[in-house]
N, C-alpha and C. Protein backbone atom coordinates (compact mmCIF):
# COMPACT_ATOMS: atom_id res chain seq x y z
N MET A 1 -7.64 22.47 3.71
CA MET A 1 -7.08 21.96 2.95
C MET A 1 -7.83 20.25 3.47
N LYS A 2 -8.23 19.58 2.56
CA LYS A 2 -8.87 18.19 2.80
C LYS A 2 -8.00 16.98 2.92
N HIS A 3 -8.36 15.92 3.18
CA HIS A 3 -7.57 14.72 3.74
C HIS A 3 -7.41 13.99 2.52
N TYR A 4 -6.75 12.86 1.93
CA TYR A 4 -6.47 12.44 0.90
C TYR A 4 -5.68 11.16 1.12
N GLU A 5 -5.89 9.77 0.54
CA GLU A 5 -4.98 8.68 0.28
C GLU A 5 -5.38 8.45 -1.11
N THR A 6 -3.53 8.40 -1.14
CA THR A 6 -3.96 7.95 -2.72
C THR A 6 -2.87 6.59 -2.75
N MET A 7 -3.16 5.56 -3.95
CA MET A 7 -2.50 4.31 -3.98
C MET A 7 -2.29 3.95 -5.00
N PHE A 8 -0.75 3.78 -5.81
CA PHE A 8 -0.83 3.35 -7.04
C PHE A 8 0.17 2.22 -7.20
N ILE A 9 -0.22 1.70 -8.26
CA ILE A 9 0.58 0.46 -8.71
C ILE A 9 1.70 0.84 -10.16
N LEU A 10 2.80 0.86 -9.82
CA LEU A 10 3.91 0.99 -11.14
C LEU A 10 4.30 -0.31 -11.58
N LYS A 11 4.69 -0.43 -13.05
CA LYS A 11 5.05 -1.33 -13.96
C LYS A 11 6.49 -2.12 -12.93
N PRO A 12 5.94 -3.09 -13.06
CA PRO A 12 7.10 -4.18 -12.11
C PRO A 12 8.80 -4.10 -13.38
N THR A 13 8.41 -3.64 -14.16
CA THR A 13 9.62 -3.58 -15.19
C THR A 13 10.68 -2.58 -14.95
N LEU A 14 10.12 -1.25 -14.15
CA LEU A 14 11.03 -0.40 -13.38
C LEU A 14 11.70 -0.69 -13.13
N VAL A 15 13.27 -0.13 -12.90
CA VAL A 15 14.56 -0.27 -11.84
C VAL A 15 14.22 0.45 -11.18
N GLU A 16 15.10 0.66 -9.89
CA GLU A 16 14.65 1.35 -8.46
C GLU A 16 15.12 2.45 -8.66
N GLU A 17 16.07 2.94 -9.52
CA GLU A 17 15.98 4.57 -9.98
C GLU A 17 14.91 4.99 -10.66
N GLU A 18 13.72 4.13 -11.77
CA GLU A 18 12.80 4.46 -12.42
C GLU A 18 11.72 5.05 -11.09
N LEU A 19 11.55 3.70 -10.65
CA LEU A 19 10.57 3.76 -9.27
C LEU A 19 10.88 5.08 -8.48
N LYS A 20 12.07 5.08 -7.82
CA LYS A 20 12.11 6.30 -6.94
C LYS A 20 11.98 7.80 -7.55
N SER A 21 12.15 7.96 -8.82
CA SER A 21 11.90 9.06 -9.21
C SER A 21 10.35 9.49 -9.84
N LYS A 22 9.97 8.01 -10.31
CA LYS A 22 7.92 8.13 -10.38
C LYS A 22 7.31 8.96 -9.03
N ILE A 23 8.18 7.86 -7.79
CA ILE A 23 7.37 7.98 -6.32
C ILE A 23 7.73 9.93 -6.41
N ALA A 24 8.66 9.74 -6.34
CA ALA A 24 9.39 11.49 -5.85
C ALA A 24 8.69 12.52 -6.81
N PHE A 25 8.29 12.09 -8.23
CA PHE A 25 7.45 13.12 -8.78
C PHE A 25 6.27 13.26 -8.79
N TYR A 26 5.20 11.97 -8.23
CA TYR A 26 4.09 12.55 -7.42
C TYR A 26 3.93 13.05 -6.13
N GLN A 27 5.00 12.81 -5.49
CA GLN A 27 5.21 13.60 -3.93
C GLN A 27 5.19 14.99 -4.66
N GLU A 28 6.19 15.29 -5.14
CA GLU A 28 6.83 16.93 -6.02
C GLU A 28 5.47 17.51 -6.39
N VAL A 29 4.19 16.92 -7.23
CA VAL A 29 3.49 17.22 -7.59
C VAL A 29 2.17 17.71 -6.33
N ILE A 30 2.11 17.11 -5.55
CA ILE A 30 1.60 17.24 -4.16
C ILE A 30 2.03 18.53 -4.12
N THR A 31 3.34 18.63 -3.40
CA THR A 31 3.62 19.81 -2.98
C THR A 31 3.46 21.28 -3.53
N THR A 32 4.04 21.04 -4.80
CA THR A 32 3.71 22.17 -5.81
C THR A 32 2.38 22.41 -6.00
N GLN A 33 1.59 21.55 -5.48
CA GLN A 33 -0.20 22.44 -5.92
C GLN A 33 0.00 23.02 -4.34
N GLY A 34 0.47 22.25 -3.35
CA GLY A 34 0.35 23.69 -2.08
C GLY A 34 -0.46 22.33 -1.25
N GLY A 35 -0.15 21.15 -1.33
CA GLY A 35 -0.09 20.13 -0.59
C GLY A 35 0.59 19.74 0.55
N VAL A 36 0.39 19.14 1.11
CA VAL A 36 1.42 18.99 2.68
C VAL A 36 1.56 17.05 2.22
N ILE A 37 2.11 16.55 2.43
CA ILE A 37 2.56 15.14 2.66
C ILE A 37 2.24 14.48 4.43
N ALA A 38 1.25 13.84 4.52
CA ALA A 38 1.64 13.46 6.21
C ALA A 38 2.55 12.60 6.52
N ASN A 39 2.10 11.42 5.44
CA ASN A 39 3.06 10.19 5.54
C ASN A 39 2.58 9.02 4.03
N THR A 40 4.25 8.32 3.82
CA THR A 40 3.90 7.76 2.81
C THR A 40 4.04 5.98 3.09
N LEU A 41 4.15 4.98 2.39
CA LEU A 41 4.26 4.03 2.84
C LEU A 41 4.42 3.13 1.85
N ASP A 42 6.07 2.82 1.42
CA ASP A 42 6.24 2.02 0.33
C ASP A 42 6.17 0.49 0.32
N MET A 43 4.75 -0.18 -0.30
CA MET A 43 4.43 -1.14 0.18
C MET A 43 5.19 -2.53 -0.77
N GLY A 44 6.05 -2.27 -1.81
CA GLY A 44 6.84 -2.82 -2.28
C GLY A 44 6.16 -3.61 -3.68
N ALA A 45 6.90 -4.85 -3.85
CA ALA A 45 6.48 -5.52 -5.50
C ALA A 45 5.38 -6.24 -4.89
N ARG A 46 4.23 -6.64 -5.53
CA ARG A 46 3.46 -7.66 -5.00
C ARG A 46 2.73 -8.13 -5.97
N HIS A 47 2.34 -9.09 -5.95
CA HIS A 47 0.85 -10.25 -6.88
C HIS A 47 0.04 -9.28 -6.80
N LEU A 48 -0.50 -9.18 -8.28
CA LEU A 48 -1.84 -8.35 -8.25
C LEU A 48 -2.90 -9.81 -8.71
N ALA A 49 -4.13 -8.98 -8.45
CA ALA A 49 -5.31 -10.07 -8.33
C ALA A 49 -5.56 -10.79 -9.70
N TYR A 50 -5.17 -9.42 -10.34
CA TYR A 50 -5.42 -9.91 -12.01
C TYR A 50 -4.04 -9.64 -13.12
N GLU A 51 -4.18 -10.05 -14.03
CA GLU A 51 -3.70 -9.44 -14.88
C GLU A 51 -3.48 -7.76 -15.13
N ILE A 52 -2.98 -7.27 -15.52
CA ILE A 52 -3.05 -6.06 -16.05
C ILE A 52 -1.63 -5.68 -16.92
N GLN A 53 -2.04 -5.54 -18.26
CA GLN A 53 -1.00 -5.15 -19.03
C GLN A 53 -0.32 -5.66 -19.30
N LYS A 54 -0.60 -7.53 -19.26
CA LYS A 54 0.34 -8.36 -19.77
C LYS A 54 1.18 -8.65 -17.91
N HIS A 55 0.89 -7.74 -17.10
CA HIS A 55 2.03 -7.79 -15.60
C HIS A 55 1.35 -8.94 -15.05
N LYS A 56 1.91 -9.33 -13.81
CA LYS A 56 1.18 -10.36 -13.27
C LYS A 56 1.50 -9.67 -11.43
N ARG A 57 2.63 -8.96 -11.35
CA ARG A 57 3.66 -8.02 -10.37
C ARG A 57 3.41 -6.33 -10.93
N GLY A 58 3.06 -6.03 -9.52
CA GLY A 58 2.81 -4.60 -9.33
C GLY A 58 3.79 -3.78 -8.40
N TYR A 59 4.38 -2.34 -8.47
CA TYR A 59 4.62 -2.12 -7.60
C TYR A 59 4.22 -0.85 -6.24
N TYR A 60 3.39 -1.50 -5.93
CA TYR A 60 2.65 -0.60 -5.07
C TYR A 60 3.17 0.49 -4.21
N PHE A 61 2.92 1.62 -3.93
CA PHE A 61 2.88 3.01 -3.32
C PHE A 61 1.87 3.62 -2.78
N VAL A 62 2.09 4.19 -1.40
CA VAL A 62 0.75 4.87 -0.90
C VAL A 62 1.26 6.01 -0.47
N ILE A 63 0.33 7.58 0.00
CA ILE A 63 0.38 8.59 -0.27
C ILE A 63 -0.42 8.86 0.60
N TYR A 64 -0.38 9.44 2.02
CA TYR A 64 -1.14 10.54 2.72
C TYR A 64 -0.86 11.15 3.04
N PHE A 65 -1.71 12.63 2.05
CA PHE A 65 -1.56 14.05 2.08
C PHE A 65 -3.20 14.62 1.99
N GLN A 66 -2.52 15.91 2.61
CA GLN A 66 -3.81 17.22 2.75
C GLN A 66 -3.17 18.28 1.74
N ALA A 67 -4.81 18.58 0.81
CA ALA A 67 -4.63 19.23 -0.14
C ALA A 67 -5.83 19.79 -0.81
N GLU A 68 -5.95 20.71 -1.89
CA GLU A 68 -7.23 21.25 -2.27
C GLU A 68 -7.51 20.28 -3.44
N PRO A 69 -8.74 20.80 -3.72
CA PRO A 69 -9.10 19.28 -4.42
C PRO A 69 -8.55 19.65 -6.30
N ALA A 70 -8.45 21.12 -6.29
CA ALA A 70 -7.46 21.12 -7.58
C ALA A 70 -6.31 20.41 -7.98
N ALA A 71 -5.79 20.30 -6.26
CA ALA A 71 -3.90 19.43 -6.52
C ALA A 71 -4.55 18.44 -7.01
N VAL A 72 -5.77 17.69 -6.20
CA VAL A 72 -6.31 15.98 -6.78
C VAL A 72 -6.77 15.52 -8.08
N LEU A 73 -7.27 17.15 -8.75
CA LEU A 73 -7.27 16.55 -10.05
C LEU A 73 -6.57 16.82 -10.95
N GLU A 74 -5.28 17.33 -10.13
CA GLU A 74 -3.93 17.58 -11.28
C GLU A 74 -2.86 16.27 -11.12
N LEU A 75 -3.67 15.52 -10.15
CA LEU A 75 -2.68 14.40 -9.68
C LEU A 75 -3.57 13.36 -11.03
N GLU A 76 -4.55 13.46 -10.90
CA GLU A 76 -5.25 12.33 -11.36
C GLU A 76 -5.07 12.45 -12.83
N ARG A 77 -4.88 13.44 -13.49
CA ARG A 77 -4.53 13.75 -14.81
C ARG A 77 -3.22 13.08 -14.64
N LEU A 78 -2.23 13.48 -14.72
CA LEU A 78 -0.86 12.95 -14.31
C LEU A 78 -0.42 11.52 -14.30
N TYR A 79 -1.12 10.75 -13.28
CA TYR A 79 -1.55 9.08 -13.61
C TYR A 79 -1.75 8.87 -14.51
N ARG A 80 -3.44 9.46 -14.48
CA ARG A 80 -3.58 8.78 -16.40
C ARG A 80 -2.96 9.00 -17.64
N ILE A 81 -2.23 10.06 -17.70
CA ILE A 81 -1.20 9.70 -19.04
C ILE A 81 0.12 9.63 -18.14
N ASN A 82 0.32 8.41 -17.64
CA ASN A 82 1.93 7.94 -17.24
C ASN A 82 1.28 6.41 -17.75
N GLU A 83 2.02 6.06 -18.30
CA GLU A 83 2.01 4.49 -19.06
C GLU A 83 3.19 3.92 -18.45
N ASP A 84 3.31 3.86 -17.27
CA ASP A 84 3.89 3.51 -16.22
C ASP A 84 3.42 3.44 -14.88
N VAL A 85 1.99 3.72 -14.94
CA VAL A 85 1.20 3.28 -14.39
C VAL A 85 -0.10 2.45 -14.42
N LEU A 86 -0.08 1.58 -13.35
CA LEU A 86 -1.00 0.51 -13.92
C LEU A 86 -2.06 0.81 -13.52
N ARG A 87 -2.50 0.93 -12.04
CA ARG A 87 -3.75 1.43 -11.65
C ARG A 87 -3.30 2.76 -10.31
N PHE A 88 -4.46 3.52 -9.97
CA PHE A 88 -4.52 4.24 -9.11
C PHE A 88 -5.48 4.08 -8.17
N ILE A 89 -5.49 4.61 -7.65
CA ILE A 89 -7.08 5.28 -6.55
C ILE A 89 -6.43 6.41 -5.67
N ILE A 90 -8.09 7.12 -5.42
CA ILE A 90 -7.71 8.70 -4.74
C ILE A 90 -8.72 8.48 -3.92
N LEU A 91 -8.71 8.68 -2.52
CA LEU A 91 -9.59 8.52 -1.91
C LEU A 91 -9.62 9.53 -0.52
N LYS A 92 -10.89 10.00 -0.49
CA LYS A 92 -11.36 11.26 0.08
C LYS A 92 -11.96 11.20 1.92
N TYR A 93 -11.59 11.73 2.77
CA TYR A 93 -11.51 11.49 4.20
C TYR A 93 -12.63 12.71 4.23
N GLU A 94 -14.24 13.06 4.38
CA GLU A 94 -14.90 14.06 4.36
C GLU A 94 -15.24 14.77 5.94
N ASN A 95 -15.55 13.46 6.65
CA ASN A 95 -16.17 13.74 7.96
C ASN A 95 -15.32 13.62 8.81
N LYS A 96 -15.41 14.20 10.08
CA LYS A 96 -14.63 14.17 11.13
C LYS A 96 -14.58 12.52 11.76
N LYS A 97 -15.36 11.55 11.56
CA LYS A 97 -14.87 9.73 11.92
C LYS A 97 -13.95 9.79 10.71
N GLU A 98 -14.11 10.30 9.62
CA GLU A 98 -13.35 9.47 8.37
C GLU A 98 -11.88 9.97 8.95
N GLN A 99 -11.77 11.42 9.15
CA GLN A 99 -10.60 11.93 9.28
C GLN A 99 -10.18 11.33 10.48
N LYS A 100 -10.46 10.95 11.61
CA LYS A 100 -10.21 10.10 12.47
C LYS A 100 -9.23 8.69 12.15
N ALA A 101 -9.87 8.32 11.19
CA ALA A 101 -9.50 7.15 10.54
C ALA A 101 -8.11 7.58 9.74
N TRP A 102 -8.29 8.14 8.92
CA TRP A 102 -6.84 9.35 8.63
C TRP A 102 -5.62 9.03 9.51
N HIS A 103 -6.15 9.31 10.58
CA HIS A 103 -5.05 9.72 11.26
C HIS A 103 -4.55 8.52 11.56
N THR A 104 -5.11 7.91 12.00
CA THR A 104 -4.87 6.50 12.65
C THR A 104 -3.85 5.47 11.59
N LEU A 105 -4.20 5.16 10.11
CA LEU A 105 -3.65 4.95 9.06
C LEU A 105 -2.51 5.38 9.27
N ILE A 106 -2.17 7.05 9.35
CA ILE A 106 -0.51 7.80 9.52
C ILE A 106 -0.19 6.90 10.04
N ASP A 107 -0.93 6.73 11.36
CA ASP A 107 -0.34 6.43 12.47
C ASP A 107 0.26 4.95 12.31
N ARG A 108 0.13 3.79 12.28
CA ARG A 108 0.11 2.67 11.92
C ARG A 108 1.05 2.58 10.40
N ALA A 109 1.23 3.66 9.82
CA ALA A 109 2.35 3.74 7.90
C ALA A 109 3.48 3.99 8.98
N SER A 110 3.77 4.54 9.93
CA SER A 110 4.61 5.37 10.98
C SER A 110 5.31 4.14 11.51
N LYS A 111 4.57 3.48 12.21
CA LYS A 111 5.19 2.32 13.29
C LYS A 111 5.38 1.14 12.18
N LYS A 112 5.06 1.04 10.83
CA LYS A 112 5.22 0.14 9.80
C LYS A 112 7.17 0.18 9.43
N ILE A 113 7.00 1.57 9.22
CA ILE A 113 8.19 2.12 9.22
C ILE A 113 9.79 2.22 10.46
N LEU A 114 9.38 2.29 11.40
CA LEU A 114 9.95 2.65 12.10
C LEU A 114 10.16 1.23 12.93
N HIS A 115 9.00 0.46 13.13
CA HIS A 115 9.39 -0.80 13.49
C HIS A 115 9.09 -1.53 12.51
N ALA A 116 10.17 -1.92 11.52
CA ALA A 116 10.43 -3.21 10.50
C ALA A 116 10.88 -4.22 11.27
N ALA A 117 10.41 -4.94 12.23
CA ALA A 117 11.05 -6.04 12.51
C ALA A 117 11.07 -7.43 11.71
N PRO A 118 12.10 -7.52 11.70
CA PRO A 118 12.43 -9.47 11.15
C PRO A 118 10.87 -10.14 11.31
N GLU A 119 9.78 -11.37 11.17
CA GLU A 119 8.88 -11.36 11.94
C GLU A 119 9.49 -12.65 12.52
N LYS A 120 8.48 -12.65 13.92
CA LYS A 120 8.39 -14.05 14.48
C LYS A 120 8.71 -15.49 13.92
N PRO A 121 9.00 -16.14 14.25
CA PRO A 121 8.90 -17.75 14.20
C PRO A 121 7.88 -18.22 14.54
N HIS A 122 7.21 -18.92 13.55
CA HIS A 122 5.67 -19.42 14.21
C HIS A 122 5.84 -20.66 14.56
N LYS A 123 5.63 -20.57 16.03
CA LYS A 123 5.62 -21.98 17.03
C LYS A 123 4.88 -23.21 15.91
N GLU A 124 4.68 -24.22 15.79
CA GLU A 124 4.30 -25.26 15.09
C GLU A 124 3.43 -26.09 16.15
N ALA A 125 2.47 -26.31 16.00
CA ALA A 125 1.70 -27.06 16.24
C ALA A 125 2.31 -28.49 16.83
N PRO A 126 1.91 -28.85 17.78
CA PRO A 126 1.98 -30.56 18.15
C PRO A 126 1.87 -31.00 17.30
N ALA A 127 2.35 -32.41 16.53
CA ALA A 127 1.53 -33.35 15.70
C ALA A 127 0.98 -34.21 16.32
N LYS A 128 -0.37 -34.82 15.70
CA LYS A 128 -1.24 -35.45 16.39
C LYS A 128 -0.58 -36.80 16.35
N GLU A 129 -1.07 -37.90 17.51
CA GLU A 129 0.07 -39.06 17.19
C GLU A 129 -1.24 -39.38 16.29
N THR A 130 -1.23 -40.47 15.35
CA THR A 130 -1.93 -41.40 14.53
C THR A 130 -1.98 -42.72 15.44
N PRO A 131 -3.25 -43.24 15.28
CA PRO A 131 -3.23 -44.62 16.27
C PRO A 131 -2.96 -45.77 15.09
N THR A 132 -1.22 -46.40 16.09
CA THR A 132 -1.28 -47.41 15.22
C THR A 132 -2.09 -48.67 15.64
N GLU A 133 -1.77 -49.58 14.90
CA GLU A 133 -2.68 -50.71 14.82
C GLU A 133 -3.15 -51.19 16.11
N GLY A 134 -4.45 -51.76 16.64
CA GLY A 134 -4.79 -52.08 17.56
C GLY A 134 -5.42 -50.88 18.48
N GLN A 135 -4.58 -49.67 17.91
CA GLN A 135 -5.57 -48.87 18.67
C GLN A 135 -6.69 -48.11 18.46
N GLU A 136 -7.09 -48.54 17.44
CA GLU A 136 -8.40 -47.75 16.66
C GLU A 136 -9.78 -47.97 17.11
N GLY A 137 -10.19 -47.01 17.61
CA GLY A 137 -11.59 -47.44 18.05
C GLY A 137 -11.56 -47.17 20.20
N GLN A 138 -10.42 -47.24 20.22
CA GLN A 138 -10.37 -47.00 21.74
C GLN A 138 -10.61 -45.48 22.31
N GLY A 139 -11.48 -44.87 23.29
CA GLY A 139 -11.46 -43.78 23.88
C GLY A 139 -9.85 -43.62 24.38
N VAL A 140 -9.99 -42.10 24.34
CA VAL A 140 -8.82 -41.27 24.68
C VAL A 140 -9.44 -40.88 26.21
């Protein structure tokens, strides 16, 4: 089996139940075709780089999996016929260096899921003092 990563963008007009069912459907396609899902990454709703079918936002989801090439062809076919999928991509990791990177991505996705902690507040830089009248031009 070969290593793959797929990311797809769903229409933002779908309700949460529809999003979950679409995501579960594509995961099921991979497993019924003999594939093994290593990890998933729910990236949520984000702004698109450009409008697609009059949508400015989309719901991003990533699946890291191992499967035979025939399963990937079926997955691609199903992406193409589904009107709710705005865009998709399937990446294949072939050599050992790429497969090592694939495992690293899986580990990072696991950490994002497990350690979804709130962001730390940013420290504000001290405000620069503006010269008052009479101090302009003096060396510091």
